């Protein structure tokens, strides 16, 4: 994904690629994965109703964060 448009990565809690990039730019890290994990454990997610495929986004969010961290490390 190369755009900063507000494409939802997490439908339950409103995290987007742009919000992850903004947090990385501002703080050098992101708390999105830990935040989602905590809310999932607390049974606050509604993936089955909100995600178009009815699945949990956490795997995709983890992969996106890892890719963004690697890009930032490379200076991208």
PDB file of N, CA and C in Angstrom:
ATOM      1  N   UNK A   1       0.843  -1.164   0.000  1.00  0.00           N
ATOM      2  CA  UNK A   1       0.000   0.000   0.000  1.00  0.00           C
ATOM      3  C   UNK A   1       0.893   1.233   0.000  1.00  0.00           C
ATOM      4  N   UNK A   2       0.690   2.123  -0.928  1.00  0.00           N
ATOM      5  CA  UNK A   2       1.579   3.271  -1.039  1.00  0.00           C
ATOM      6  C   UNK A   2       0.879   4.599  -0.778  1.00  0.00           C
ATOM      7  N   UNK A   3      -0.388   4.580  -0.522  1.00  0.00           N
ATOM      8  CA  UNK A   3      -1.143   5.811  -0.335  1.00  0.00           C
ATOM      9  C   UNK A   3      -1.335   6.126   1.139  1.00  0.00           C
ATOM     10  N   UNK A   4      -1.451   7.417   1.449  1.00  0.00           N
ATOM     11  CA  UNK A   4      -1.765   7.834   2.812  1.00  0.00           C
ATOM     12  C   UNK A   4      -3.266   8.066   2.983  1.00  0.00           C
ATOM     13  N   UNK A   5      -4.059   7.698   1.997  1.00  0.00           N
ATOM     14  CA  UNK A   5      -5.499   7.903   2.140  1.00  0.00           C
ATOM     15  C   UNK A   5      -6.015   7.062   3.301  1.00  0.00           C
ATOM     16  N   UNK A   6      -7.132   7.458   3.893  1.00  0.00           N
ATOM     17  CA  UNK A   6      -7.592   6.784   5.107  1.00  0.00           C
ATOM     18  C   UNK A   6      -8.219   5.410   4.851  1.00  0.00           C
ATOM     19  N   UNK A   7      -7.449   4.500   4.313  1.00  0.00           N
ATOM     20  CA  UNK A   7      -7.906   3.132   4.104  1.00  0.00           C
ATOM     21  C   UNK A   7      -7.896   2.409   5.441  1.00  0.00           C
ATOM     22  N   UNK A   8      -9.054   1.905   5.886  1.00  0.00           N
ATOM     23  CA  UNK A   8      -9.064   1.260   7.204  1.00  0.00           C
ATOM     24  C   UNK A   8      -8.259  -0.030   7.223  1.00  0.00           C
ATOM     25  N   UNK A   9      -7.431  -0.161   8.223  1.00  0.00           N
ATOM     26  CA  UNK A   9      -6.742  -1.425   8.479  1.00  0.00           C
ATOM     27  C   UNK A   9      -7.463  -2.155   9.596  1.00  0.00           C
ATOM     28  N   UNK A  10      -7.973  -1.396  10.542  1.00  0.00           N
ATOM     29  CA  UNK A  10      -8.705  -1.956  11.675  1.00  0.00           C
ATOM     30  C   UNK A  10     -10.093  -1.313  11.676  1.00  0.00           C
ATOM     31  N   UNK A  11     -11.073  -2.099  11.335  1.00  0.00           N
ATOM     32  CA  UNK A  11     -12.435  -1.589  11.228  1.00  0.00           C
ATOM     33  C   UNK A  11     -13.071  -1.348  12.588  1.00  0.00           C
ATOM     34  N   UNK A  12     -12.656  -2.066  13.603  1.00  0.00           N
ATOM     35  CA  UNK A  12     -13.243  -1.913  14.937  1.00  0.00           C
ATOM     36  C   UNK A  12     -12.802  -0.620  15.626  1.00  0.00           C
ATOM     37  N   UNK A  13     -11.533  -0.273  15.465  1.00  0.00           N
ATOM     38  CA  UNK A  13     -10.973   0.824  16.247  1.00  0.00           C
ATOM     39  C   UNK A  13     -10.453   1.980  15.390  1.00  0.00           C
ATOM     40  N   UNK A  14     -10.685   1.918  14.089  1.00  0.00           N
ATOM     41  CA  UNK A  14     -10.415   3.048  13.214  1.00  0.00           C
ATOM     42  C   UNK A  14      -8.968   3.316  12.853  1.00  0.00           C
ATOM     43  N   UNK A  15      -8.100   2.349  13.013  1.00  0.00           N
ATOM     44  CA  UNK A  15      -6.708   2.557  12.640  1.00  0.00           C
ATOM     45  C   UNK A  15      -6.571   2.471  11.111  1.00  0.00           C
ATOM     46  N   UNK A  16      -5.771   3.380  10.576  1.00  0.00           N
ATOM     47  CA  UNK A  16      -5.525   3.430   9.136  1.00  0.00           C
ATOM     48  C   UNK A  16      -4.025   3.416   8.884  1.00  0.00           C
ATOM     49  N   UNK A  17      -3.656   3.208   7.639  1.00  0.00           N
ATOM     50  CA  UNK A  17      -2.252   3.298   7.269  1.00  0.00           C
ATOM     51  C   UNK A  17      -1.733   4.696   7.596  1.00  0.00           C
ATOM     52  N   UNK A  18      -2.535   5.705   7.307  1.00  0.00           N
ATOM     53  CA  UNK A  18      -2.124   7.084   7.576  1.00  0.00           C
ATOM     54  C   UNK A  18      -1.905   7.319   9.070  1.00  0.00           C
ATOM     55  N   UNK A  19      -2.781   6.766   9.923  1.00  0.00           N
ATOM     56  CA  UNK A  19      -2.613   6.994  11.368  1.00  0.00           C
ATOM     57  C   UNK A  19      -1.383   6.269  11.902  1.00  0.00           C
ATOM     58  N   UNK A  20      -1.090   5.097  11.357  1.00  0.00           N
ATOM     59  CA  UNK A  20       0.112   4.366  11.762  1.00  0.00           C
ATOM     60  C   UNK A  20       1.356   5.137  11.326  1.00  0.00           C
ATOM     61  N   UNK A  21       1.354   5.617  10.093  1.00  0.00           N
ATOM     62  CA  UNK A  21       2.499   6.391   9.597  1.00  0.00           C
ATOM     63  C   UNK A  21       2.695   7.665  10.397  1.00  0.00           C
ATOM     64  N   UNK A  22       1.601   8.320  10.753  1.00  0.00           N
ATOM     65  CA  UNK A  22       1.689   9.561  11.540  1.00  0.00           C
ATOM     66  C   UNK A  22       2.318   9.279  12.905  1.00  0.00           C
ATOM     67  N   UNK A  23       1.865   8.215  13.569  1.00  0.00           N
ATOM     68  CA  UNK A  23       2.429   7.877  14.879  1.00  0.00           C
ATOM     69  C   UNK A  23       3.914   7.538  14.760  1.00  0.00           C
ATOM     70  N   UNK A  24       4.282   6.797  13.729  1.00  0.00           N
ATOM     71  CA  UNK A  24       5.698   6.465  13.510  1.00  0.00           C
ATOM     72  C   UNK A  24       6.522   7.726  13.276  1.00  0.00           C
ATOM     73  N   UNK A  25       6.003   8.629  12.478  1.00  0.00           N
ATOM     74  CA  UNK A  25       6.708   9.873  12.168  1.00  0.00           C
ATOM     75  C   UNK A  25       6.867  10.733  13.417  1.00  0.00           C
ATOM     76  N   UNK A  26       5.817  10.796  14.237  1.00  0.00           N
ATOM     77  CA  UNK A  26       5.829  11.663  15.420  1.00  0.00           C
ATOM     78  C   UNK A  26       6.588  11.081  16.601  1.00  0.00           C
ATOM     79  N   UNK A  27       6.570   9.747  16.748  1.00  0.00           N
ATOM     80  CA  UNK A  27       7.149   9.144  17.953  1.00  0.00           C
ATOM     81  C   UNK A  27       8.262   8.137  17.681  1.00  0.00           C
ATOM     82  N   UNK A  28       8.386   7.706  16.428  1.00  0.00           N
ATOM     83  CA  UNK A  28       9.392   6.704  16.093  1.00  0.00           C
ATOM     84  C   UNK A  28       8.959   5.284  16.393  1.00  0.00           C
ATOM     85  N   UNK A  29       7.726   5.142  16.853  1.00  0.00           N
ATOM     86  CA  UNK A  29       7.184   3.811  17.132  1.00  0.00           C
ATOM     87  C   UNK A  29       5.668   3.865  16.967  1.00  0.00           C
ATOM     88  N   UNK A  30       5.026   2.703  17.083  1.00  0.00           N
ATOM     89  CA  UNK A  30       3.571   2.673  17.042  1.00  0.00           C
ATOM     90  C   UNK A  30       3.043   1.721  18.104  1.00  0.00           C
ATOM     91  N   UNK A  31       1.949   2.114  18.691  1.00  0.00           N
ATOM     92  CA  UNK A  31       1.313   1.317  19.732  1.00  0.00           C
ATOM     93  C   UNK A  31       0.073   0.588  19.225  1.00  0.00           C
ATOM     94  N   UNK A  32      -0.166   0.653  17.929  1.00  0.00           N
ATOM     95  CA  UNK A  32      -1.419   0.137  17.374  1.00  0.00           C
ATOM     96  C   UNK A  32      -1.601  -1.359  17.635  1.00  0.00           C
ATOM     97  N   UNK A  33      -0.584  -2.161  17.453  1.00  0.00           N
ATOM     98  CA  UNK A  33      -0.726  -3.608  17.652  1.00  0.00           C
ATOM     99  C   UNK A  33      -1.063  -3.915  19.107  1.00  0.00           C
ATOM    100  N   UNK A  34      -0.324  -3.326  20.027  1.00  0.00           N
ATOM    101  CA  UNK A  34      -0.591  -3.559  21.448  1.00  0.00           C
ATOM    102  C   UNK A  34      -1.986  -3.081  21.833  1.00  0.00           C
ATOM    103  N   UNK A  35      -2.399  -1.972  21.282  1.00  0.00           N
ATOM    104  CA  UNK A  35      -3.721  -1.436  21.576  1.00  0.00           C
ATOM    105  C   UNK A  35      -4.815  -2.385  21.096  1.00  0.00           C
ATOM    106  N   UNK A  36      -4.681  -2.875  19.880  1.00  0.00           N
ATOM    107  CA  UNK A  36      -5.679  -3.804  19.342  1.00  0.00           C
ATOM    108  C   UNK A  36      -5.672  -5.106  20.137  1.00  0.00           C
ATOM    109  N   UNK A  37      -4.486  -5.630  20.438  1.00  0.00           N
ATOM    110  CA  UNK A  37      -4.395  -6.877  21.221  1.00  0.00           C
ATOM    111  C   UNK A  37      -5.107  -6.733  22.564  1.00  0.00           C
ATOM    112  N   UNK A  38      -4.897  -5.612  23.222  1.00  0.00           N
ATOM    113  CA  UNK A  38      -5.531  -5.368  24.519  1.00  0.00           C
ATOM    114  C   UNK A  38      -7.055  -5.341  24.382  1.00  0.00           C
ATOM    115  N   UNK A  39      -7.540  -4.671  23.364  1.00  0.00           N
ATOM    116  CA  UNK A  39      -8.985  -4.571  23.163  1.00  0.00           C
ATOM    117  C   UNK A  39      -9.603  -5.909  22.738  1.00  0.00           C
ATOM    118  N   UNK A  40      -8.862  -6.697  21.988  1.00  0.00           N
ATOM    119  CA  UNK A  40      -9.344  -8.032  21.616  1.00  0.00           C
ATOM    120  C   UNK A  40      -9.466  -8.894  22.871  1.00  0.00           C
ATOM    121  N   UNK A  41      -8.438  -8.855  23.716  1.00  0.00           N
ATOM    122  CA  UNK A  41      -8.484  -9.623  24.973  1.00  0.00           C
ATOM    123  C   UNK A  41      -9.672  -9.197  25.845  1.00  0.00           C
ATOM    124  N   UNK A  42     -10.013  -7.924  25.788  1.00  0.00           N
ATOM    125  CA  UNK A  42     -11.135  -7.400  26.565  1.00  0.00           C
ATOM    126  C   UNK A  42     -12.473  -7.615  25.843  1.00  0.00           C
ATOM    127  N   UNK A  43     -12.420  -8.313  24.724  1.00  0.00           N
ATOM    128  CA  UNK A  43     -13.616  -8.621  23.927  1.00  0.00           C
ATOM    129  C   UNK A  43     -14.361  -7.362  23.479  1.00  0.00           C
ATOM    130  N   UNK A  44     -13.587  -6.339  23.108  1.00  0.00           N
ATOM    131  CA  UNK A  44     -14.178  -5.091  22.642  1.00  0.00           C
ATOM    132  C   UNK A  44     -14.245  -5.009  21.124  1.00  0.00           C
ATOM    133  N   UNK A  45     -13.723  -5.999  20.435  1.00  0.00           N
ATOM    134  CA  UNK A  45     -13.733  -5.948  18.972  1.00  0.00           C
ATOM    135  C   UNK A  45     -15.063  -6.479  18.436  1.00  0.00           C
ATOM    136  N   UNK A  46     -15.365  -6.067  17.209  1.00  0.00           N
ATOM    137  CA  UNK A  46     -16.577  -6.510  16.526  1.00  0.00           C
ATOM    138  C   UNK A  46     -16.248  -6.868  15.085  1.00  0.00           C
ATOM    139  N   UNK A  47     -15.180  -7.628  14.941  1.00  0.00           N
ATOM    140  CA  UNK A  47     -14.670  -7.981  13.619  1.00  0.00           C
ATOM    141  C   UNK A  47     -15.729  -8.646  12.746  1.00  0.00           C
ATOM    142  N   UNK A  48     -16.469  -9.558  13.303  1.00  0.00           N
ATOM    143  CA  UNK A  48     -17.465 -10.297  12.525  1.00  0.00           C
ATOM    144  C   UNK A  48     -18.499  -9.368  11.896  1.00  0.00           C
ATOM    145  N   UNK A  49     -18.813  -8.273  12.584  1.00  0.00           N
ATOM    146  CA  UNK A  49     -19.804  -7.333  12.052  1.00  0.00           C
ATOM    147  C   UNK A  49     -19.196  -6.226  11.201  1.00  0.00           C
ATOM    148  N   UNK A  50     -17.997  -5.760  11.555  1.00  0.00           N
ATOM    149  CA  UNK A  50     -17.440  -4.561  10.929  1.00  0.00           C
ATOM    150  C   UNK A  50     -16.482  -4.818   9.777  1.00  0.00           C
ATOM    151  N   UNK A  51     -15.697  -5.867   9.841  1.00  0.00           N
ATOM    152  CA  UNK A  51     -14.734  -6.159   8.776  1.00  0.00           C
ATOM    153  C   UNK A  51     -15.492  -6.746   7.583  1.00  0.00           C
ATOM    154  N   UNK A  52     -15.239  -6.257   6.378  1.00  0.00           N
ATOM    155  CA  UNK A  52     -15.964  -6.761   5.205  1.00  0.00           C
ATOM    156  C   UNK A  52     -15.871  -8.286   5.022  1.00  0.00           C
ATOM    157  N   UNK A  53     -14.780  -8.876   5.471  1.00  0.00           N
ATOM    158  CA  UNK A  53     -14.628 -10.330   5.360  1.00  0.00           C
ATOM    159  C   UNK A  53     -15.017 -11.050   6.647  1.00  0.00           C
ATOM    160  N   UNK A  54     -15.376 -10.302   7.672  1.00  0.00           N
ATOM    161  CA  UNK A  54     -15.772 -10.886   8.940  1.00  0.00           C
ATOM    162  C   UNK A  54     -14.630 -11.519   9.712  1.00  0.00           C
ATOM    163  N   UNK A  55     -13.417 -11.029   9.478  1.00  0.00           N
ATOM    164  CA  UNK A  55     -12.239 -11.608  10.126  1.00  0.00           C
ATOM    165  C   UNK A  55     -11.524 -10.555  10.967  1.00  0.00           C
ATOM    166  N   UNK A  56     -10.662 -11.022  11.845  1.00  0.00           N
ATOM    167  CA  UNK A  56      -9.844 -10.126  12.660  1.00  0.00           C
ATOM    168  C   UNK A  56      -8.754  -9.497  11.791  1.00  0.00           C
ATOM    169  N   UNK A  57      -8.494  -8.232  12.002  1.00  0.00           N
ATOM    170  CA  UNK A  57      -7.510  -7.491  11.214  1.00  0.00           C
ATOM    171  C   UNK A  57      -6.088  -7.630  11.758  1.00  0.00           C
ATOM    172  N   UNK A  58      -5.925  -8.204  12.920  1.00  0.00           N
ATOM    173  CA  UNK A  58      -4.643  -8.129  13.632  1.00  0.00           C
ATOM    174  C   UNK A  58      -3.469  -8.631  12.804  1.00  0.00           C
ATOM    175  N   UNK A  59      -3.636  -9.705  12.062  1.00  0.00           N
ATOM    176  CA  UNK A  59      -2.543 -10.215  11.229  1.00  0.00           C
ATOM    177  C   UNK A  59      -2.129  -9.165  10.193  1.00  0.00           C
ATOM    178  N   UNK A  60      -3.104  -8.576   9.512  1.00  0.00           N
ATOM    179  CA  UNK A  60      -2.801  -7.555   8.509  1.00  0.00           C
ATOM    180  C   UNK A  60      -2.156  -6.328   9.140  1.00  0.00           C
ATOM    181  N   UNK A  61      -2.638  -5.931  10.307  1.00  0.00           N
ATOM    182  CA  UNK A  61      -2.064  -4.773  10.993  1.00  0.00           C
ATOM    183  C   UNK A  61      -0.619  -5.060  11.385  1.00  0.00           C
ATOM    184  N   UNK A  62      -0.364  -6.243  11.924  1.00  0.00           N
ATOM    185  CA  UNK A  62       1.019  -6.606  12.289  1.00  0.00           C
ATOM    186  C   UNK A  62       1.934  -6.560  11.076  1.00  0.00           C
ATOM    187  N   UNK A  63       1.477  -7.123   9.954  1.00  0.00           N
ATOM    188  CA  UNK A  63       2.292  -7.125   8.728  1.00  0.00           C
ATOM    189  C   UNK A  63       2.530  -5.705   8.224  1.00  0.00           C
ATOM    190  N   UNK A  64       1.515  -4.877   8.276  1.00  0.00           N
ATOM    191  CA  UNK A  64       1.653  -3.486   7.835  1.00  0.00           C
ATOM    192  C   UNK A  64       2.632  -2.730   8.723  1.00  0.00           C
ATOM    193  N   UNK A  65       2.526  -2.899  10.025  1.00  0.00           N
ATOM    194  CA  UNK A  65       3.432  -2.224  10.960  1.00  0.00           C
ATOM    195  C   UNK A  65       4.866  -2.687  10.712  1.00  0.00           C
ATOM    196  N   UNK A  66       5.065  -3.976  10.536  1.00  0.00           N
ATOM    197  CA  UNK A  66       6.410  -4.490  10.280  1.00  0.00           C
ATOM    198  C   UNK A  66       6.984  -3.892   9.000  1.00  0.00           C
ATOM    199  N   UNK A  67       6.170  -3.811   7.967  1.00  0.00           N
ATOM    200  CA  UNK A  67       6.616  -3.239   6.688  1.00  0.00           C
ATOM    201  C   UNK A  67       6.954  -1.760   6.842  1.00  0.00           C
ATOM    202  N   UNK A  68       6.105  -1.024   7.557  1.00  0.00           N
ATOM    203  CA  UNK A  68       6.348   0.404   7.760  1.00  0.00           C
ATOM    204  C   UNK A  68       7.593   0.644   8.605  1.00  0.00           C
ATOM    205  N   UNK A  69       7.804  -0.172   9.623  1.00  0.00           N
ATOM    206  CA  UNK A  69       9.012  -0.048  10.440  1.00  0.00           C
ATOM    207  C   UNK A  69      10.258  -0.338   9.612  1.00  0.00           C
ATOM    208  N   UNK A  70      10.185  -1.344   8.755  1.00  0.00           N
ATOM    209  CA  UNK A  70      11.325  -1.677   7.885  1.00  0.00           C
ATOM    210  C   UNK A  70      11.576  -0.535   6.907  1.00  0.00           C
ATOM    211  N   UNK A  71      10.533   0.007   6.324  1.00  0.00           N
ATOM    212  CA  UNK A  71      10.691   1.147   5.398  1.00  0.00           C
ATOM    213  C   UNK A  71      11.322   2.339   6.112  1.00  0.00           C
ATOM    214  N   UNK A  72      10.881   2.602   7.339  1.00  0.00           N
ATOM    215  CA  UNK A  72      11.431   3.725   8.103  1.00  0.00           C
ATOM    216  C   UNK A  72      12.898   3.478   8.426  1.00  0.00           C
ATOM    217  N   UNK A  73      13.228   2.237   8.761  1.00  0.00           N
ATOM    218  CA  UNK A  73      14.615   1.877   9.061  1.00  0.00           C
ATOM    219  C   UNK A  73      15.498   2.107   7.833  1.00  0.00           C
ATOM    220  N   UNK A  74      14.959   1.820   6.655  1.00  0.00           N
ATOM    221  CA  UNK A  74      15.718   1.982   5.415  1.00  0.00           C
ATOM    222  C   UNK A  74      15.723   3.436   4.947  1.00  0.00           C
ATOM    223  N   UNK A  75      14.950   4.267   5.623  1.00  0.00           N
ATOM    224  CA  UNK A  75      14.920   5.673   5.242  1.00  0.00           C
ATOM    225  C   UNK A  75      13.864   5.985   4.216  1.00  0.00           C
ATOM    226  N   UNK A  76      12.868   5.088   4.089  1.00  0.00           N
ATOM    227  CA  UNK A  76      11.830   5.248   3.075  1.00  0.00           C
ATOM    228  C   UNK A  76      10.649   6.013   3.462  1.00  0.00           C
TER     229      UNK A  76
END
